[in-house]
């Protein structure tokens, strides 16, 4: 079992993070190359691919404050990795391990854009509800935070949380 062997466990999650980052970077590359000449309606009036370069965070907060993310992202990623390492090697913590790993992958995917281009490539737009344009790394971060909260609130007992915190 994955959670029985530390070396396999960490190798698996490192590869998982790398694969997620590669998927994110490939989708951003494809967007930069193919959407520079215009938008593409996937589902007219609902879903569109539209290229946007974001110098801020989600929903364009802190626009033009890229330097903040050069500092904050590695610190947050280090904290998440610390909690990942401190997870007990038990099956019931695998969901948390996936969430924490996915969160790191999302943060790293957008951090790579910030370092390489000084902005993040966004391209997915739900025009039906005028939702802010986002990318695959944003999906990783958003879903992992949602599932982390669900697991923390509903999926873990006080004893489970205590075991994790005690180990930290």
Protein backbone atom coordinates (compact mmCIF):
# COMPACT_ATOMS: atom_id res chain seq x y z
CA UNK A 1 0.00 0.00 0.00
CA UNK A 2 1.15 3.50 -0.84
CA UNK A 3 0.92 4.78 2.72
CA UNK A 4 2.99 1.86 4.09
CA UNK A 5 6.26 2.79 2.33
CA UNK A 6 7.54 6.35 2.87
CA UNK A 7 9.83 6.31 -0.16
CA UNK A 8 7.05 5.18 -2.52
CA UNK A 9 4.62 7.57 -0.85
CA UNK A 10 6.81 10.64 -1.33
CA UNK A 11 7.89 9.55 -4.83
CA UNK A 12 4.27 9.10 -5.86
CA UNK A 13 3.24 12.56 -4.63
CA UNK A 14 6.29 14.28 -6.13
CA UNK A 15 5.43 12.72 -9.49
CA UNK A 16 1.77 13.64 -9.00
CA UNK A 17 2.73 17.29 -8.41
CA UNK A 18 5.06 17.31 -11.42
CA UNK A 19 2.38 15.83 -13.69
CA UNK A 20 -0.17 18.42 -12.55
CA UNK A 21 2.32 21.24 -13.15
CA UNK A 22 3.10 19.89 -16.63
CA UNK A 23 -0.61 19.72 -17.48
CA UNK A 24 -1.07 23.31 -16.28
CA UNK A 25 1.93 24.59 -18.22
CA UNK A 26 0.95 22.77 -21.41
CA UNK A 27 -2.57 24.24 -21.30
CA UNK A 28 -1.17 27.73 -20.74
CA UNK A 29 1.28 27.31 -23.60
CA UNK A 30 -1.50 26.14 -25.91
CA UNK A 31 -3.59 29.14 -24.84
CA UNK A 32 -0.75 31.60 -25.45
CA UNK A 33 -0.06 30.15 -28.90
CA UNK A 34 -3.62 29.60 -30.11
CA UNK A 35 -5.64 32.37 -28.47
CA UNK A 36 -3.42 35.33 -29.28
CA UNK A 37 -5.43 35.88 -32.45
CA UNK A 38 -8.83 35.76 -30.76
CA UNK A 39 -11.29 33.98 -28.51
CA UNK A 40 -12.77 30.55 -29.10
CA UNK A 41 -16.37 29.77 -28.15
CA UNK A 42 -16.54 26.26 -26.76
CA UNK A 43 -20.21 26.46 -25.79
CA UNK A 44 -21.58 29.72 -27.24
CA UNK A 45 -22.87 32.01 -24.53
CA UNK A 46 -21.58 29.70 -21.77
CA UNK A 47 -17.90 28.75 -22.04
CA UNK A 48 -15.19 30.53 -23.94
CA UNK A 49 -11.42 30.37 -24.20
CA UNK A 50 -10.15 33.92 -23.91
CA UNK A 51 -6.52 34.86 -23.35
CA UNK A 52 -5.81 37.16 -20.44
CA UNK A 53 -2.53 37.97 -18.75
CA UNK A 54 -3.09 38.55 -15.05
CA UNK A 55 -0.52 40.41 -12.96
CA UNK A 56 -2.54 39.95 -9.79
CA UNK A 57 -4.09 37.07 -7.89
CA UNK A 58 -7.45 35.39 -8.27
CA UNK A 59 -10.10 37.75 -9.60
CA UNK A 60 -7.29 40.22 -10.41
CA UNK A 61 -6.82 41.33 -6.81
CA UNK A 62 -3.43 42.90 -6.14
CA UNK A 63 -3.01 43.70 -9.83
CA UNK A 64 0.48 44.94 -10.65
CA UNK A 65 1.76 43.66 -7.25
CA UNK A 66 3.60 40.67 -8.72
CA UNK A 67 6.50 41.14 -6.30
CA UNK A 68 4.18 40.18 -3.41
CA UNK A 69 3.64 36.77 -5.01
CA UNK A 70 7.39 36.24 -5.46
CA UNK A 71 7.61 36.25 -1.66
CA UNK A 72 4.24 34.90 -0.49
CA UNK A 73 3.92 31.90 -2.83
CA UNK A 74 7.10 30.08 -1.70
CA UNK A 75 6.26 30.73 1.95
CA UNK A 76 2.73 29.36 1.59
CA UNK A 77 4.01 26.40 -0.44
CA UNK A 78 6.61 25.65 2.24
CA UNK A 79 3.94 25.70 4.95
CA UNK A 80 1.70 23.37 2.92
CA UNK A 81 4.64 21.02 2.27
CA UNK A 82 5.47 21.06 5.99
CA UNK A 83 1.92 19.96 6.86
CA UNK A 84 2.06 17.35 4.09
CA UNK A 85 5.26 15.88 5.55
CA UNK A 86 3.67 15.85 8.99
CA UNK A 87 0.62 13.88 7.83
CA UNK A 88 0.50 10.49 9.55
CA UNK A 89 1.12 7.56 7.19
CA UNK A 90 -2.38 6.20 7.44
CA UNK A 91 -4.98 5.52 4.78
CA UNK A 92 -7.45 8.03 6.23
CA UNK A 93 -4.99 10.87 5.53
CA UNK A 94 -4.52 10.08 1.83
CA UNK A 95 -7.31 12.49 0.83
CA UNK A 96 -5.50 15.24 2.72
CA UNK A 97 -2.23 14.29 1.03
CA UNK A 98 -3.87 14.59 -2.41
CA UNK A 99 -5.39 17.96 -1.51
CA UNK A 100 -2.15 19.38 -0.15
CA UNK A 101 -0.21 18.09 -3.17
CA UNK A 102 -2.74 19.54 -5.59
CA UNK A 103 -2.55 22.88 -3.77
CA UNK A 104 1.25 22.90 -4.11
CA UNK A 105 0.97 22.04 -7.82
CA UNK A 106 -1.46 24.91 -8.41
CA UNK A 107 0.70 27.39 -6.54
CA UNK A 108 3.79 26.20 -8.42
CA UNK A 109 2.05 26.36 -11.80
CA UNK A 110 1.14 30.01 -11.36
CA UNK A 111 4.51 30.79 -9.75
CA UNK A 112 6.27 29.47 -12.85
CA UNK A 113 4.26 31.93 -14.95
CA UNK A 114 5.10 34.80 -12.62
CA UNK A 115 8.82 34.02 -12.79
CA UNK A 116 8.91 33.34 -16.54
CA UNK A 117 6.49 36.01 -17.79
CA UNK A 118 5.88 38.35 -14.80
CA UNK A 119 2.17 37.53 -15.16
CA UNK A 120 -0.12 34.52 -15.12
CA UNK A 121 -1.76 33.17 -18.27
CA UNK A 122 -5.53 32.82 -17.78
CA UNK A 123 -7.82 31.53 -20.51
CA UNK A 124 -11.00 29.80 -19.24
CA UNK A 125 -14.04 32.08 -19.16
CA UNK A 126 -17.61 31.21 -18.14
CA UNK A 127 -19.37 33.95 -20.07
CA UNK A 128 -22.82 32.78 -18.93
CA UNK A 129 -22.18 34.06 -15.41
CA UNK A 130 -19.40 36.52 -16.28
CA UNK A 131 -17.02 34.62 -14.00
CA UNK A 132 -13.43 35.91 -13.88
CA UNK A 133 -11.06 34.29 -16.37
CA UNK A 134 -8.92 31.56 -14.80
CA UNK A 135 -6.55 28.68 -15.62
CA UNK A 136 -5.90 25.05 -14.70
CA UNK A 137 -3.63 25.93 -11.75
CA UNK A 138 -6.45 28.09 -10.36
CA UNK A 139 -8.73 25.05 -10.56
CA UNK A 140 -6.17 23.02 -8.61
CA UNK A 141 -5.93 25.66 -5.88
CA UNK A 142 -9.66 26.30 -5.63
CA UNK A 143 -10.73 22.67 -5.54
CA UNK A 144 -7.98 21.62 -3.15
CA UNK A 145 -8.91 24.37 -0.68
CA UNK A 146 -12.61 23.47 -0.92
CA UNK A 147 -11.91 19.77 -0.36
CA UNK A 148 -9.44 20.51 2.45
CA UNK A 149 -12.13 22.48 4.24
CA UNK A 150 -14.69 19.73 3.68
CA UNK A 151 -12.29 17.07 4.98
CA UNK A 152 -11.28 19.18 7.97
CA UNK A 153 -14.85 20.03 8.91
CA UNK A 154 -16.72 16.85 8.03
CA UNK A 155 -14.22 14.11 7.28
CA UNK A 156 -11.86 14.15 10.19
CA UNK A 157 -12.57 13.47 13.82
CA UNK A 158 -11.08 15.54 16.59
CA UNK A 159 -8.70 12.64 17.29
CA UNK A 160 -7.54 12.61 13.65
CA UNK A 161 -6.85 16.33 13.72
CA UNK A 162 -5.14 16.04 17.09
CA UNK A 163 -2.87 13.28 15.75
CA UNK A 164 -1.92 15.46 12.79
CA UNK A 165 -1.36 18.61 14.86
CA UNK A 166 0.55 16.69 17.51
CA UNK A 167 2.88 15.34 14.85
CA UNK A 168 3.38 18.87 13.53
